[in-house]
Amino acid sequence: MHNTVAAMQFMNPFTRLFDDQSQYWIDNSGHMTLGVVMICIGSALVLGFLISLLYMFTNRKKGYAQSYVIAMPMLSSMVATVIIMMCLMIDNSSGTKAAITLTGAFSLTRFRSAPGDPKDIAYIFFALVMGVVCGIGYVGYGFLIFAVMAAVLIILNLTNFAAPHTQDMTLKITIPEDLNYNGLFDDVLNKYTKEWKLRRVRTTDFGTLFDLIYEVYVKDNIDQKKFIDEIRTLNGNLNVTLILYRYDDQIYNTKNK
């Protein structure tokens, strides 16, 4: 009976799909099996391309950089190559592999510039994880993890999960320096919004103008043009900006070049 089961498993290659493929790296003569290593690296490269396609799909409306898309398959395949080389140079015990993998993987990624969109950074780590999983030999699990994560990300993207409500907005009002803004816009804000809060006041144009930045929760079905027009009658017809998203410290920061 045992021989029959073993023979069936040998005949069906999918029974070893979720096995640690690194056990096949060394042949009977003690040399590395090149074919299986190439399968692991090739799988990491394929998964990297799939992650790129997933990123392109989820960012199709706001756009993306070509260099960023190309970087993901490069990263996954390079990480898989490094992990394979690490595993071949050490003892074949899983504990040592795990230690080397965790230590080496997270030291491969460095963000030298200012962080961008957190979702973009998450895609970089997604490619990194796929490279690690394929590098240690679990090719089948790599494709399984990708399928699960891809389904979750597509669902979140199609359902517009966690998007801000259209009533949550940021209001930026420019006023001259000699205008006393204390209580000036309170009546208009109370008329068109359910809640509002002054979040920042700053000078611009060498102190000749002030920017007032409010976090507002506008009422349903208001006429935004009338809202802005009433503010313009109070601020000397200077700039008024109504932004969909809530107040963000990074939106209005300017850097002198």
C-alpha atoms as a PDB file:
ATOM      1  CA  MET A   1       0.000   0.000   0.000  1.00  0.00           C
ATOM      2  CA  HIS A   2       2.780   2.391   0.900  1.00  0.00           C
ATOM      3  CA  ASN A   3       4.529   1.661  -2.394  1.00  0.00           C
ATOM      4  CA  THR A   4       1.311   2.359  -4.312  1.00  0.00           C
ATOM      5  CA  VAL A   5       0.858   5.763  -2.638  1.00  0.00           C
ATOM      6  CA  ALA A   6       4.492   6.626  -3.238  1.00  0.00           C
ATOM      7  CA  ALA A   7       4.185   5.646  -6.910  1.00  0.00           C
ATOM      8  CA  MET A   8       1.075   7.807  -7.317  1.00  0.00           C
ATOM      9  CA  GLN A   9       2.850  10.775  -5.735  1.00  0.00           C
ATOM     10  CA  PHE A  10       5.818  10.288  -8.034  1.00  0.00           C
ATOM     11  CA  MET A  11       3.572  10.192 -11.092  1.00  0.00           C
ATOM     12  CA  ASN A  12       1.734  13.378 -10.030  1.00  0.00           C
ATOM     13  CA  PRO A  13       4.143  16.344 -10.056  1.00  0.00           C
ATOM     14  CA  PHE A  14       1.595  18.587  -8.310  1.00  0.00           C
ATOM     15  CA  THR A  15       2.023  16.624  -5.070  1.00  0.00           C
ATOM     16  CA  ARG A  16       5.413  18.318  -4.681  1.00  0.00           C
ATOM     17  CA  LEU A  17       4.173  21.762  -5.688  1.00  0.00           C
ATOM     18  CA  PHE A  18       4.136  23.052  -2.104  1.00  0.00           C
ATOM     19  CA  ASP A  19       7.287  21.233  -0.988  1.00  0.00           C
ATOM     20  CA  ASP A  20      10.554  22.985  -0.213  1.00  0.00           C
ATOM     21  CA  GLN A  21      12.146  22.905  -3.650  1.00  0.00           C
ATOM     22  CA  SER A  22      15.595  23.571  -2.224  1.00  0.00           C
ATOM     23  CA  GLN A  23      15.857  19.915  -1.201  1.00  0.00           C
ATOM     24  CA  TYR A  24      16.308  19.173  -4.912  1.00  0.00           C
ATOM     25  CA  TRP A  25      19.162  21.652  -5.366  1.00  0.00           C
ATOM     26  CA  ILE A  26      21.848  19.048  -4.567  1.00  0.00           C
ATOM     27  CA  ASP A  27      22.105  15.957  -6.750  1.00  0.00           C
ATOM     28  CA  ASN A  28      23.673  12.608  -5.844  1.00  0.00           C
ATOM     29  CA  SER A  29      27.156  13.887  -6.611  1.00  0.00           C
ATOM     30  CA  GLY A  30      26.778  16.805  -4.207  1.00  0.00           C
ATOM     31  CA  HIS A  31      26.477  19.465  -6.919  1.00  0.00           C
ATOM     32  CA  MET A  32      23.743  22.038  -7.298  1.00  0.00           C
ATOM     33  CA  THR A  33      20.869  21.213  -9.624  1.00  0.00           C
ATOM     34  CA  LEU A  34      20.786  24.172 -11.970  1.00  0.00           C
ATOM     35  CA  GLY A  35      17.331  23.465 -13.337  1.00  0.00           C
ATOM     36  CA  VAL A  36      15.527  23.744 -10.022  1.00  0.00           C
ATOM     37  CA  VAL A  37      17.447  26.885  -9.085  1.00  0.00           C
ATOM     38  CA  MET A  38      16.375  28.463 -12.354  1.00  0.00           C
ATOM     39  CA  ILE A  39      12.790  27.449 -11.623  1.00  0.00           C
ATOM     40  CA  CYS A  40      12.922  29.281  -8.292  1.00  0.00           C
ATOM     41  CA  ILE A  41      14.479  32.412  -9.802  1.00  0.00           C
ATOM     42  CA  GLY A  42      12.153  32.283 -12.803  1.00  0.00           C
ATOM     43  CA  SER A  43       9.144  31.931 -10.515  1.00  0.00           C
ATOM     44  CA  ALA A  44      10.261  34.985  -8.532  1.00  0.00           C
ATOM     45  CA  LEU A  45      10.613  36.907 -11.791  1.00  0.00           C
ATOM     46  CA  VAL A  46       7.142  35.848 -12.961  1.00  0.00           C
ATOM     47  CA  LEU A  47       5.615  36.822  -9.628  1.00  0.00           C
ATOM     48  CA  GLY A  48       7.380  40.171  -9.823  1.00  0.00           C
ATOM     49  CA  PHE A  49       5.833  40.815 -13.238  1.00  0.00           C
ATOM     50  CA  LEU A  50       2.427  39.788 -11.895  1.00  0.00           C
ATOM     51  CA  ILE A  51       2.842  42.243  -9.022  1.00  0.00           C
ATOM     52  CA  SER A  52       3.705  44.931 -11.568  1.00  0.00           C
ATOM     53  CA  LEU A  53       0.523  44.166 -13.518  1.00  0.00           C
ATOM     54  CA  LEU A  54      -1.457  44.256 -10.287  1.00  0.00           C
ATOM     55  CA  TYR A  55       0.072  47.626  -9.413  1.00  0.00           C
ATOM     56  CA  MET A  56      -0.733  48.976 -12.885  1.00  0.00           C
ATOM     57  CA  PHE A  57      -4.347  47.836 -12.528  1.00  0.00           C
ATOM     58  CA  THR A  58      -4.871  49.347  -9.076  1.00  0.00           C
ATOM     59  CA  ASN A  59      -3.214  52.624 -10.135  1.00  0.00           C
ATOM     60  CA  ARG A  60      -4.759  52.881 -13.603  1.00  0.00           C
ATOM     61  CA  LYS A  61      -6.752  56.009 -12.689  1.00  0.00           C
ATOM     62  CA  LYS A  62      -4.040  58.106 -11.064  1.00  0.00           C
ATOM     63  CA  GLY A  63      -1.100  56.857 -13.172  1.00  0.00           C
ATOM     64  CA  TYR A  64       2.268  55.330 -12.322  1.00  0.00           C
ATOM     65  CA  ALA A  65       5.969  55.583 -13.165  1.00  0.00           C
ATOM     66  CA  GLN A  66       7.457  53.103 -15.621  1.00  0.00           C
ATOM     67  CA  SER A  67      10.658  52.820 -13.588  1.00  0.00           C
ATOM     68  CA  TYR A  68       8.662  51.796 -10.516  1.00  0.00           C
ATOM     69  CA  VAL A  69       6.811  49.082 -12.440  1.00  0.00           C
ATOM     70  CA  ILE A  70      10.064  47.674 -13.834  1.00  0.00           C
ATOM     71  CA  ALA A  71      11.724  47.725 -10.414  1.00  0.00           C
ATOM     72  CA  MET A  72       9.374  45.145  -8.862  1.00  0.00           C
ATOM     73  CA  PRO A  73      10.281  42.088 -11.017  1.00  0.00           C
ATOM     74  CA  MET A  74      13.937  43.087 -10.768  1.00  0.00           C
ATOM     75  CA  LEU A  75      13.705  43.243  -6.987  1.00  0.00           C
ATOM     76  CA  SER A  76      11.891  39.916  -6.568  1.00  0.00           C
ATOM     77  CA  SER A  77      14.309  38.016  -8.816  1.00  0.00           C
ATOM     78  CA  MET A  78      17.415  39.587  -7.244  1.00  0.00           C
ATOM     79  CA  VAL A  79      16.185  38.844  -3.722  1.00  0.00           C
ATOM     80  CA  ALA A  80      15.466  35.237  -4.724  1.00  0.00           C
ATOM     81  CA  THR A  81      18.996  34.917  -6.140  1.00  0.00           C
ATOM     82  CA  VAL A  82      20.589  36.256  -2.967  1.00  0.00           C
ATOM     83  CA  ILE A  83      18.511  33.961  -0.746  1.00  0.00           C
ATOM     84  CA  ILE A  84      19.390  30.918  -2.875  1.00  0.00           C
ATOM     85  CA  MET A  85      23.084  31.699  -2.647  1.00  0.00           C
ATOM     86  CA  MET A  86      22.821  32.135   1.114  1.00  0.00           C
ATOM     87  CA  CYS A  87      21.065  28.815   1.510  1.00  0.00           C
ATOM     88  CA  LEU A  88      23.644  27.002  -0.639  1.00  0.00           C
ATOM     89  CA  MET A  89      26.547  28.349   1.391  1.00  0.00           C
ATOM     90  CA  ILE A  90      25.184  27.273   4.771  1.00  0.00           C
ATOM     91  CA  ASP A  91      23.882  24.122   6.389  1.00  0.00           C
ATOM     92  CA  ASN A  92      20.594  22.938   4.947  1.00  0.00           C
ATOM     93  CA  SER A  93      18.699  23.288   8.241  1.00  0.00           C
ATOM     94  CA  SER A  94      15.477  25.267   8.073  1.00  0.00           C
ATOM     95  CA  GLY A  95      16.241  27.261  11.212  1.00  0.00           C
ATOM     96  CA  THR A  96      19.416  28.695   9.767  1.00  0.00           C
ATOM     97  CA  LYS A  97      17.662  29.422   6.495  1.00  0.00           C
ATOM     98  CA  ALA A  98      14.948  31.360   8.278  1.00  0.00           C
ATOM     99  CA  ALA A  99      17.472  33.412  10.237  1.00  0.00           C
ATOM    100  CA  ILE A 100      19.509  34.240   7.141  1.00  0.00           C
ATOM    101  CA  THR A 101      16.371  34.994   5.166  1.00  0.00           C
ATOM    102  CA  LEU A 102      14.922  37.433   7.687  1.00  0.00           C
ATOM    103  CA  THR A 103      18.244  39.125   8.289  1.00  0.00           C
ATOM    104  CA  GLY A 104      19.192  39.443   4.641  1.00  0.00           C
ATOM    105  CA  ALA A 105      15.800  40.259   3.181  1.00  0.00           C
ATOM    106  CA  PHE A 106      15.004  43.347   5.214  1.00  0.00           C
ATOM    107  CA  SER A 107      18.534  44.678   4.839  1.00  0.00           C
ATOM    108  CA  LEU A 108      18.208  44.635   1.046  1.00  0.00           C
ATOM    109  CA  THR A 109      15.629  47.411   0.915  1.00  0.00           C
ATOM    110  CA  ARG A 110      16.617  50.998   1.690  1.00  0.00           C
ATOM    111  CA  PHE A 111      14.525  54.076   1.077  1.00  0.00           C
ATOM    112  CA  ARG A 112      17.065  56.828   0.558  1.00  0.00           C
ATOM    113  CA  SER A 113      14.502  59.441  -0.492  1.00  0.00           C
ATOM    114  CA  ALA A 114      11.445  60.721   1.298  1.00  0.00           C
ATOM    115  CA  PRO A 115       8.701  58.071   1.582  1.00  0.00           C
ATOM    116  CA  GLY A 116       5.989  58.307  -1.020  1.00  0.00           C
ATOM    117  CA  ASP A 117       2.567  56.737  -1.072  1.00  0.00           C
ATOM    118  CA  PRO A 118       2.428  54.041   1.642  1.00  0.00           C
ATOM    119  CA  LYS A 119       0.676  51.742  -0.853  1.00  0.00           C
ATOM    120  CA  ASP A 120       3.639  52.041  -3.225  1.00  0.00           C
ATOM    121  CA  ILE A 121       6.011  51.057  -0.410  1.00  0.00           C
ATOM    122  CA  ALA A 122       3.745  48.083   0.382  1.00  0.00           C
ATOM    123  CA  TYR A 123       4.076  46.867  -3.229  1.00  0.00           C
ATOM    124  CA  ILE A 124       7.865  47.005  -2.889  1.00  0.00           C
ATOM    125  CA  PHE A 125       7.688  44.784   0.182  1.00  0.00           C
ATOM    126  CA  PHE A 126       5.227  42.532  -1.644  1.00  0.00           C
ATOM    127  CA  ALA A 127       7.833  41.944  -4.343  1.00  0.00           C
ATOM    128  CA  LEU A 128      10.471  41.449  -1.642  1.00  0.00           C
ATOM    129  CA  VAL A 129       8.385  38.796   0.115  1.00  0.00           C
ATOM    130  CA  MET A 130       7.772  36.931  -3.135  1.00  0.00           C
ATOM    131  CA  GLY A 131      11.508  36.888  -3.799  1.00  0.00           C
ATOM    132  CA  VAL A 132      12.188  35.495  -0.332  1.00  0.00           C
ATOM    133  CA  VAL A 133       9.495  32.807  -0.600  1.00  0.00           C
ATOM    134  CA  CYS A 134      10.741  31.621  -3.994  1.00  0.00           C
ATOM    135  CA  GLY A 135      14.341  31.919  -2.887  1.00  0.00           C
ATOM    136  CA  ILE A 136      13.885  29.467  -0.032  1.00  0.00           C
ATOM    137  CA  GLY A 137      12.187  27.035  -2.399  1.00  0.00           C
ATOM    138  CA  TYR A 138       8.471  27.342  -1.655  1.00  0.00           C
ATOM    139  CA  VAL A 139       7.415  28.208  -5.193  1.00  0.00           C
ATOM    140  CA  GLY A 140       3.880  26.847  -4.853  1.00  0.00           C
ATOM    141  CA  TYR A 141       3.259  28.851  -1.703  1.00  0.00           C
ATOM    142  CA  GLY A 142       4.578  31.938  -3.486  1.00  0.00           C
ATOM    143  CA  PHE A 143       1.896  31.690  -6.166  1.00  0.00           C
ATOM    144  CA  LEU A 144      -0.739  30.877  -3.537  1.00  0.00           C
ATOM    145  CA  ILE A 145       0.189  33.930  -1.444  1.00  0.00           C
ATOM    146  CA  PHE A 146       0.168  36.114  -4.543  1.00  0.00           C
ATOM    147  CA  ALA A 147      -3.291  34.867  -5.550  1.00  0.00           C
ATOM    148  CA  VAL A 148      -4.728  35.633  -2.109  1.00  0.00           C
ATOM    149  CA  MET A 149      -3.101  39.071  -1.839  1.00  0.00           C
ATOM    150  CA  ALA A 150      -4.015  39.985  -5.423  1.00  0.00           C
ATOM    151  CA  ALA A 151      -7.662  39.087  -4.825  1.00  0.00           C
ATOM    152  CA  VAL A 152      -7.739  41.194  -1.650  1.00  0.00           C
ATOM    153  CA  LEU A 153      -6.080  44.210  -3.309  1.00  0.00           C
ATOM    154  CA  ILE A 154      -8.373  44.052  -6.348  1.00  0.00           C
ATOM    155  CA  ILE A 155     -11.469  43.877  -4.133  1.00  0.00           C
ATOM    156  CA  LEU A 156     -10.261  46.819  -2.026  1.00  0.00           C
ATOM    157  CA  ASN A 157      -9.547  48.809  -5.181  1.00  0.00           C
ATOM    158  CA  LEU A 158     -12.877  48.066  -6.875  1.00  0.00           C
ATOM    159  CA  THR A 159     -14.890  48.814  -3.719  1.00  0.00           C
ATOM    160  CA  ASN A 160     -12.889  52.017  -3.078  1.00  0.00           C
ATOM    161  CA  PHE A 161     -12.311  50.848   0.483  1.00  0.00           C
ATOM    162  CA  ALA A 162     -11.535  53.510   3.134  1.00  0.00           C
ATOM    163  CA  ALA A 163     -11.976  56.400   0.697  1.00  0.00           C
ATOM    164  CA  PRO A 164     -12.833  59.685   2.434  1.00  0.00           C
ATOM    165  CA  HIS A 165     -16.404  60.888   2.406  1.00  0.00           C
ATOM    166  CA  THR A 166     -17.158  63.627  -0.075  1.00  0.00           C
ATOM    167  CA  GLN A 167     -18.229  65.868   2.821  1.00  0.00           C
ATOM    168  CA  ASP A 168     -14.781  65.715   4.452  1.00  0.00           C
ATOM    169  CA  MET A 169     -12.919  68.608   2.884  1.00  0.00           C
ATOM    170  CA  THR A 170     -10.130  71.084   3.448  1.00  0.00           C
ATOM    171  CA  LEU A 171     -10.778  74.791   2.957  1.00  0.00           C
ATOM    172  CA  LYS A 172      -7.922  77.194   2.260  1.00  0.00           C
ATOM    173  CA  ILE A 173      -8.679  80.925   2.403  1.00  0.00           C
ATOM    174  CA  THR A 174      -6.183  83.648   1.457  1.00  0.00           C
ATOM    175  CA  ILE A 175      -6.625  87.028   3.153  1.00  0.00           C
ATOM    176  CA  PRO A 176      -4.635  90.297   3.191  1.00  0.00           C
ATOM    177  CA  GLU A 177      -2.350  90.865   6.150  1.00  0.00           C
ATOM    178  CA  ASP A 178      -4.350  93.778   7.537  1.00  0.00           C
ATOM    179  CA  LEU A 179      -7.655  91.843   7.691  1.00  0.00           C
ATOM    180  CA  ASN A 180      -8.737  90.631  11.133  1.00  0.00           C
ATOM    181  CA  TYR A 181      -9.859  87.053  10.502  1.00  0.00           C
ATOM    182  CA  ASN A 182     -11.032  86.265  14.056  1.00  0.00           C
ATOM    183  CA  GLY A 183     -14.707  85.317  13.705  1.00  0.00           C
ATOM    184  CA  LEU A 184     -14.861  86.752  10.182  1.00  0.00           C
ATOM    185  CA  PHE A 185     -15.901  83.533   8.430  1.00  0.00           C
ATOM    186  CA  ASP A 186     -17.795  81.892  11.312  1.00  0.00           C
ATOM    187  CA  ASP A 187     -21.284  82.678  10.006  1.00  0.00           C
ATOM    188  CA  VAL A 188     -20.541  81.378   6.505  1.00  0.00           C
ATOM    189  CA  LEU A 189     -18.920  78.219   7.849  1.00  0.00           C
ATOM    190  CA  ASN A 190     -21.823  77.554  10.212  1.00  0.00           C
ATOM    191  CA  LYS A 191     -24.243  78.023   7.298  1.00  0.00           C
ATOM    192  CA  TYR A 192     -22.616  75.570   4.875  1.00  0.00           C
ATOM    193  CA  THR A 193     -20.844  73.064   7.147  1.00  0.00           C
ATOM    194  CA  LYS A 194     -21.798  70.718   9.952  1.00  0.00           C
ATOM    195  CA  GLU A 195     -18.391  70.941  11.601  1.00  0.00           C
ATOM    196  CA  TRP A 196     -15.299  73.061  11.031  1.00  0.00           C
ATOM    197  CA  LYS A 197     -12.002  73.747  12.700  1.00  0.00           C
ATOM    198  CA  LEU A 198      -9.185  76.163  11.973  1.00  0.00           C
ATOM    199  CA  ARG A 199      -6.057  74.040  11.652  1.00  0.00           C
ATOM    200  CA  ARG A 200      -3.344  76.422  10.526  1.00  0.00           C
ATOM    201  CA  VAL A 201      -2.552  80.071   9.897  1.00  0.00           C
ATOM    202  CA  ARG A 202       0.568  81.061   7.980  1.00  0.00           C
ATOM    203  CA  THR A 203       1.964  84.013   6.086  1.00  0.00           C
ATOM    204  CA  THR A 204       2.799  83.983   2.376  1.00  0.00           C
ATOM    205  CA  ASP A 205       4.301  86.367  -0.193  1.00  0.00           C
ATOM    206  CA  PHE A 206       6.778  87.803   2.321  1.00  0.00           C
ATOM    207  CA  GLY A 207       4.078  88.459   4.904  1.00  0.00           C
ATOM    208  CA  THR A 208       1.700  90.376   2.646  1.00  0.00           C
ATOM    209  CA  LEU A 209      -0.930  87.611   2.731  1.00  0.00           C
ATOM    210  CA  PHE A 210      -2.259  85.059   5.222  1.00  0.00           C
ATOM    211  CA  ASP A 211      -3.438  81.507   4.479  1.00  0.00           C
ATOM    212  CA  LEU A 212      -6.176  80.146   6.724  1.00  0.00           C
ATOM    213  CA  ILE A 213      -6.591  76.391   6.494  1.00  0.00           C
ATOM    214  CA  TYR A 214      -9.804  74.842   7.830  1.00  0.00           C
ATOM    215  CA  GLU A 215     -10.912  71.251   8.235  1.00  0.00           C
ATOM    216  CA  VAL A 216     -14.603  71.249   7.300  1.00  0.00           C
ATOM    217  CA  TYR A 217     -17.444  68.748   7.077  1.00  0.00           C
ATOM    218  CA  VAL A 218     -19.827  70.311   4.548  1.00  0.00           C
ATOM    219  CA  LYS A 219     -23.566  69.782   4.592  1.00  0.00           C
ATOM    220  CA  ASP A 220     -25.278  67.547   2.052  1.00  0.00           C
ATOM    221  CA  ASN A 221     -26.258  68.984  -1.337  1.00  0.00           C
ATOM    222  CA  ILE A 222     -24.843  72.455  -0.763  1.00  0.00           C
ATOM    223  CA  ASP A 223     -24.031  74.809  -3.609  1.00  0.00           C
ATOM    224  CA  GLN A 224     -20.236  74.918  -3.436  1.00  0.00           C
ATOM    225  CA  LYS A 225     -20.062  77.927  -5.754  1.00  0.00           C
ATOM    226  CA  LYS A 226     -22.272  79.991  -3.437  1.00  0.00           C
ATOM    227  CA  PHE A 227     -20.198  78.799  -0.496  1.00  0.00           C
ATOM    228  CA  ILE A 228     -16.998  80.009  -2.150  1.00  0.00           C
ATOM    229  CA  ASP A 229     -18.592  83.239  -3.409  1.00  0.00           C
ATOM    230  CA  GLU A 230     -19.717  84.223   0.080  1.00  0.00           C
ATOM    231  CA  ILE A 231     -16.196  83.666   1.367  1.00  0.00           C
ATOM    232  CA  ARG A 232     -14.764  85.762  -1.483  1.00  0.00           C
ATOM    233  CA  THR A 233     -16.918  88.703  -0.492  1.00  0.00           C
ATOM    234  CA  LEU A 234     -15.244  88.593   2.925  1.00  0.00           C
ATOM    235  CA  ASN A 235     -11.599  87.969   1.974  1.00  0.00           C
ATOM    236  CA  GLY A 236     -11.252  90.688  -0.645  1.00  0.00           C
ATOM    237  CA  ASN A 237     -11.842  88.331  -3.609  1.00  0.00           C
ATOM    238  CA  LEU A 238      -8.541  86.536  -3.005  1.00  0.00           C
ATOM    239  CA  ASN A 239      -7.949  82.830  -3.569  1.00  0.00           C
ATOM    240  CA  VAL A 240     -10.312  80.281  -1.997  1.00  0.00           C
ATOM    241  CA  THR A 241      -9.524  76.563  -2.403  1.00  0.00           C
ATOM    242  CA  LEU A 242     -11.836  73.696  -1.476  1.00  0.00           C
ATOM    243  CA  ILE A 243     -10.093  70.308  -1.437  1.00  0.00           C
ATOM    244  CA  LEU A 244     -11.786  66.919  -1.133  1.00  0.00           C
ATOM    245  CA  TYR A 245      -9.438  65.437   1.448  1.00  0.00           C
ATOM    246  CA  ARG A 246      -9.129  66.312   5.088  1.00  0.00           C
ATOM    247  CA  TYR A 247      -6.345  68.459   6.417  1.00  0.00           C
ATOM    248  CA  ASP A 248      -2.867  67.105   5.764  1.00  0.00           C
ATOM    249  CA  ASP A 249       0.275  68.783   7.058  1.00  0.00           C
ATOM    250  CA  GLN A 250       2.200  67.815   3.935  1.00  0.00           C
ATOM    251  CA  ILE A 251      -0.222  69.364   1.448  1.00  0.00           C
ATOM    252  CA  TYR A 252       0.711  72.968   2.069  1.00  0.00           C
ATOM    253  CA  ASN A 253       4.353  72.658   3.038  1.00  0.00           C
ATOM    254  CA  THR A 254       6.602  74.634   0.712  1.00  0.00           C
ATOM    255  CA  LYS A 255      10.352  74.349   0.477  1.00  0.00           C
ATOM    256  CA  ASN A 256      12.613  77.148  -0.612  1.00  0.00           C
ATOM    257  CA  LYS A 257      14.805  76.002  -3.477  1.00  0.00           C
END
